[in-house]
C-alpha atoms as a PDB file:
ATOM      1  CA  MET A   1      19.018  -0.215  -0.092  1.00  0.00           C
ATOM      2  CA  THR A   2      19.133   3.248  -1.841  1.00  0.00           C
ATOM      3  CA  MET A   3      16.177   5.563  -0.848  1.00  0.00           C
ATOM      4  CA  ARG A   4      14.393   6.865  -4.028  1.00  0.00           C
ATOM      5  CA  PHE A   5      13.651  10.676  -4.413  1.00  0.00           C
ATOM      6  CA  PHE A   6       9.722  11.144  -4.676  1.00  0.00           C
ATOM      7  CA  ALA A   7       9.123  14.615  -6.011  1.00  0.00           C
ATOM      8  CA  THR A   8       4.816  14.133  -4.940  1.00  0.00           C
ATOM      9  CA  PRO A   9       3.092  11.739  -2.554  1.00  0.00           C
ATOM     10  CA  GLN A  10       1.358  11.000  -6.146  1.00  0.00           C
ATOM     11  CA  ASP A  11       4.888   9.872  -7.049  1.00  0.00           C
ATOM     12  CA  ALA A  12       5.661   7.915  -4.381  1.00  0.00           C
ATOM     13  CA  GLU A  13       2.370   6.101  -4.195  1.00  0.00           C
ATOM     14  CA  ALA A  14       2.587   5.260  -7.976  1.00  0.00           C
ATOM     15  CA  ALA A  15       5.808   3.478  -7.131  1.00  0.00           C
ATOM     16  CA  PHE A  16       4.020   1.525  -3.904  1.00  0.00           C
ATOM     17  CA  TYR A  17       1.699   0.054  -6.311  1.00  0.00           C
ATOM     18  CA  ASP A  18       4.177  -0.659  -8.896  1.00  0.00           C
ATOM     19  CA  ALA A  19       6.529  -2.309  -6.416  1.00  0.00           C
ATOM     20  CA  LEU A  20       3.185  -4.195  -5.133  1.00  0.00           C
ATOM     21  CA  GLU A  21       2.283  -5.691  -8.580  1.00  0.00           C
ATOM     22  CA  ARG A  22       5.766  -7.012  -9.348  1.00  0.00           C
ATOM     23  CA  ALA A  23       6.307  -8.138  -5.952  1.00  0.00           C
ATOM     24  CA  ASP A  24       9.538  -6.154  -5.835  1.00  0.00           C
ATOM     25  CA  LEU A  25      11.041  -5.868  -2.364  1.00  0.00           C
ATOM     26  CA  GLU A  26      13.785  -3.352  -3.297  1.00  0.00           C
ATOM     27  CA  ALA A  27      11.423  -0.908  -4.929  1.00  0.00           C
ATOM     28  CA  MET A  28       8.902  -1.165  -2.010  1.00  0.00           C
ATOM     29  CA  MET A  29      11.366  -0.599   0.564  1.00  0.00           C
ATOM     30  CA  ALA A  30      12.823   2.380  -1.381  1.00  0.00           C
ATOM     31  CA  ILE A  31       9.636   4.169  -1.111  1.00  0.00           C
ATOM     32  CA  TRP A  32       9.204   3.753   2.490  1.00  0.00           C
ATOM     33  CA  ALA A  33      10.906   6.319   4.948  1.00  0.00           C
ATOM     34  CA  GLU A  34      13.784   4.809   6.582  1.00  0.00           C
ATOM     35  CA  ASP A  35      13.106   5.249   9.944  1.00  0.00           C
ATOM     36  CA  GLU A  36      12.156   3.122  13.384  1.00  0.00           C
ATOM     37  CA  GLU A  37       8.684   5.142  13.751  1.00  0.00           C
ATOM     38  CA  VAL A  38       6.984   3.385  10.296  1.00  0.00           C
ATOM     39  CA  LEU A  39       4.071   1.389  10.801  1.00  0.00           C
ATOM     40  CA  CYS A  40       2.301  -1.090   8.486  1.00  0.00           C
ATOM     41  CA  THR A  41      -0.814  -3.163   8.989  1.00  0.00           C
ATOM     42  CA  HIS A  42      -1.900  -5.769   6.557  1.00  0.00           C
ATOM     43  CA  PRO A  43      -5.256  -6.702   5.925  1.00  0.00           C
ATOM     44  CA  GLN A  44      -5.927  -9.195   9.054  1.00  0.00           C
ATOM     45  CA  GLY A  45      -2.618  -8.705  10.440  1.00  0.00           C
ATOM     46  CA  GLU A  46      -1.159  -6.751  13.436  1.00  0.00           C
ATOM     47  CA  ARG A  47       0.683  -3.636  13.598  1.00  0.00           C
ATOM     48  CA  ILE A  48       4.327  -3.805  12.484  1.00  0.00           C
ATOM     49  CA  ALA A  49       6.611  -0.896  13.778  1.00  0.00           C
ATOM     50  CA  GLY A  50       9.891   0.097  12.494  1.00  0.00           C
ATOM     51  CA  PHE A  51      11.603  -0.279   9.285  1.00  0.00           C
ATOM     52  CA  ALA A  52      13.483  -4.064   9.372  1.00  0.00           C
ATOM     53  CA  ALA A  53       9.758  -5.428  10.427  1.00  0.00           C
ATOM     54  CA  VAL A  54       7.931  -3.939   7.844  1.00  0.00           C
ATOM     55  CA  ARG A  55      11.005  -4.868   5.532  1.00  0.00           C
ATOM     56  CA  GLU A  56      10.105  -8.671   6.658  1.00  0.00           C
ATOM     57  CA  SER A  57       6.509  -8.521   6.391  1.00  0.00           C
ATOM     58  CA  TRP A  58       6.775  -7.384   2.764  1.00  0.00           C
ATOM     59  CA  ARG A  59       9.581 -10.422   1.823  1.00  0.00           C
ATOM     60  CA  GLN A  60       7.107 -12.976   3.347  1.00  0.00           C
ATOM     61  CA  ILE A  61       4.194 -11.662   1.254  1.00  0.00           C
ATOM     62  CA  PHE A  62       6.223 -11.325  -1.875  1.00  0.00           C
ATOM     63  CA  ALA A  63       7.820 -14.876  -0.808  1.00  0.00           C
ATOM     64  CA  SER A  64       4.303 -16.507  -1.586  1.00  0.00           C
ATOM     65  CA  GLY A  65       4.998 -15.930  -5.233  1.00  0.00           C
ATOM     66  CA  GLN A  66       1.186 -14.534  -5.805  1.00  0.00           C
ATOM     67  CA  ARG A  67       1.143 -11.606  -8.108  1.00  0.00           C
ATOM     68  CA  ALA A  68      -1.917  -9.458  -8.141  1.00  0.00           C
ATOM     69  CA  SER A  69      -3.282  -6.453 -10.124  1.00  0.00           C
ATOM     70  CA  VAL A  70      -4.326  -3.653  -8.041  1.00  0.00           C
ATOM     71  CA  ARG A  71      -6.920  -0.981  -9.213  1.00  0.00           C
ATOM     72  CA  LEU A  72      -7.669   1.619  -6.607  1.00  0.00           C
ATOM     73  CA  SER A  73     -11.529   3.397  -6.521  1.00  0.00           C
ATOM     74  CA  ASP A  74     -12.871   5.947  -4.068  1.00  0.00           C
ATOM     75  CA  ALA A  75      -9.667   7.647  -3.515  1.00  0.00           C
ATOM     76  CA  VAL A  76      -9.144  10.880  -1.198  1.00  0.00           C
ATOM     77  CA  HIS A  77      -6.470  12.500  -0.560  1.00  0.00           C
ATOM     78  CA  ARG A  78      -5.082  15.157   1.819  1.00  0.00           C
ATOM     79  CA  GLN A  79      -2.206  16.902   1.798  1.00  0.00           C
ATOM     80  CA  GLY A  80      -0.215  19.619   3.788  1.00  0.00           C
ATOM     81  CA  ILE A  81       3.479  20.841   4.088  1.00  0.00           C
ATOM     82  CA  LEU A  82       4.877  18.052   5.136  1.00  0.00           C
ATOM     83  CA  LEU A  83       2.333  14.990   5.710  1.00  0.00           C
ATOM     84  CA  ALA A  84      -0.051  13.711   3.078  1.00  0.00           C
ATOM     85  CA  LEU A  85      -2.890  11.078   3.505  1.00  0.00           C
ATOM     86  CA  HIS A  86      -4.236   8.937   0.817  1.00  0.00           C
ATOM     87  CA  SER A  87      -7.136   6.799   1.483  1.00  0.00           C
ATOM     88  CA  ALA A  88      -8.863   4.493  -1.102  1.00  0.00           C
ATOM     89  CA  HIS A  89     -10.316   0.950  -2.262  1.00  0.00           C
ATOM     90  CA  GLU A  90      -8.054  -1.436  -3.458  1.00  0.00           C
ATOM     91  CA  HIS A  91      -9.317  -4.232  -5.693  1.00  0.00           C
ATOM     92  CA  TYR A  92      -7.148  -6.708  -6.326  1.00  0.00           C
ATOM     93  CA  SER A  93      -7.477  -8.976  -9.383  1.00  0.00           C
ATOM     94  CA  VAL A  94      -5.113 -12.157  -9.119  1.00  0.00           C
ATOM     95  CA  PRO A  95      -4.645 -14.368 -12.036  1.00  0.00           C
ATOM     96  CA  GLY A  96      -6.479 -18.067 -12.391  1.00  0.00           C
ATOM     97  CA  GLU A  97      -9.064 -16.845  -9.538  1.00  0.00           C
ATOM     98  CA  GLU A  98     -12.666 -16.492 -11.207  1.00  0.00           C
ATOM     99  CA  VAL A  99     -14.301 -14.834  -7.897  1.00  0.00           C
ATOM    100  CA  PRO A 100     -13.395 -11.175  -7.170  1.00  0.00           C
ATOM    101  CA  ARG A 101     -11.687 -10.629  -4.148  1.00  0.00           C
ATOM    102  CA  PRO A 102     -13.418  -8.084  -1.658  1.00  0.00           C
ATOM    103  CA  PRO A 103     -11.692  -4.804  -1.440  1.00  0.00           C
ATOM    104  CA  VAL A 104      -9.433  -3.683   1.003  1.00  0.00           C
ATOM    105  CA  ILE A 105      -9.515  -0.508   2.669  1.00  0.00           C
ATOM    106  CA  ALA A 106      -6.086   1.262   2.739  1.00  0.00           C
ATOM    107  CA  SER A 107      -5.006   4.541   4.348  1.00  0.00           C
ATOM    108  CA  ASN A 108      -1.346   5.513   3.467  1.00  0.00           C
ATOM    109  CA  VAL A 109       0.498   8.654   5.195  1.00  0.00           C
ATOM    110  CA  TYR A 110       3.327  10.073   3.489  1.00  0.00           C
ATOM    111  CA  VAL A 111       6.196  12.228   4.961  1.00  0.00           C
ATOM    112  CA  ARG A 112       8.218  14.826   3.105  1.00  0.00           C
ATOM    113  CA  GLY A 113      12.131  15.036   4.172  1.00  0.00           C
ATOM    114  CA  ALA A 114      15.387  15.998   2.766  1.00  0.00           C
ATOM    115  CA  GLN A 115      15.147  12.952   0.402  1.00  0.00           C
ATOM    116  CA  GLY A 116      11.374  13.962  -0.894  1.00  0.00           C
ATOM    117  CA  TRP A 117       8.262  11.977  -0.084  1.00  0.00           C
ATOM    118  CA  HIS A 118       8.275   8.802   1.578  1.00  0.00           C
ATOM    119  CA  LEU A 119       5.416   6.494   2.915  1.00  0.00           C
ATOM    120  CA  LEU A 120       5.499   6.535   6.758  1.00  0.00           C
ATOM    121  CA  SER A 121       2.415   4.496   7.639  1.00  0.00           C
ATOM    122  CA  ARG A 122       0.003   2.069   5.801  1.00  0.00           C
ATOM    123  CA  HIS A 123      -3.432   0.779   7.301  1.00  0.00           C
ATOM    124  CA  ALA A 124      -5.169  -1.750   5.021  1.00  0.00           C
ATOM    125  CA  SER A 125      -8.107  -3.979   6.148  1.00  0.00           C
ATOM    126  CA  SER A 126     -10.441  -5.894   4.684  1.00  0.00           C
ATOM    127  CA  ALA A 127     -13.840  -4.077   3.870  1.00  0.00           C
ATOM    128  CA  PRO A 128     -16.914  -5.070   5.669  1.00  0.00           C
ATOM    129  CA  ALA A 129     -19.540  -7.352   3.997  1.00  0.00           C
ATOM    130  CA  PRO A 130     -21.987  -4.785   2.735  1.00  0.00           C
ATOM    131  CA  LEU A 131     -19.162  -2.569   1.393  1.00  0.00           C
ATOM    132  CA  ALA A 132     -17.579  -5.855  -0.580  1.00  0.00           C
ATOM    133  CA  ALA A 133     -21.030  -6.926  -1.901  1.00  0.00           C
ATOM    134  CA  ASP A 134     -21.869  -3.514  -3.041  1.00  0.00           C
ATOM    135  CA  ILE A 135     -18.285  -2.589  -4.872  1.00  0.00           C
ATOM    136  CA  SER A 136     -18.347  -6.408  -6.233  1.00  0.00           C
ATOM    137  CA  ALA A 137     -22.021  -5.762  -7.678  1.00  0.00           C
ATOM    138  CA  THR A 138     -20.648  -2.830  -9.732  1.00  0.00           C
ATOM    139  CA  LEU A 139     -17.408  -4.300 -11.141  1.00  0.00           C
ATOM    140  CA  HIS A 140     -19.461  -6.550 -13.610  1.00  0.00           C
END
């Protein structure tokens, strides 16, 4: 696998959501830092540690064949010299589903190295019911 160069954390994040929407495993893993210390927590999932385990989790998700569009809201970005934190509400739209899915609250941590910015850690969880109801009410 070839690691891509991302000049900014925003570039890495844009590539992340593009790979997610296309269910492209190789593109997804080119965003992650090739490090055994990477961490990923999918909604209602356990914490996954290590590059190979994170790759396998995305392979399983993409193998489902389900594709979704993602819209972000309420984004918060904090950036230092070597680390950046991006947190947002993710709103997924799946073709054929009439009822909107509850939002996901996601925090992505990017690290800067010799190969540019890459994803070091992702934690995504379902929004609590009151927040999900409030957000879905504003989508219409």
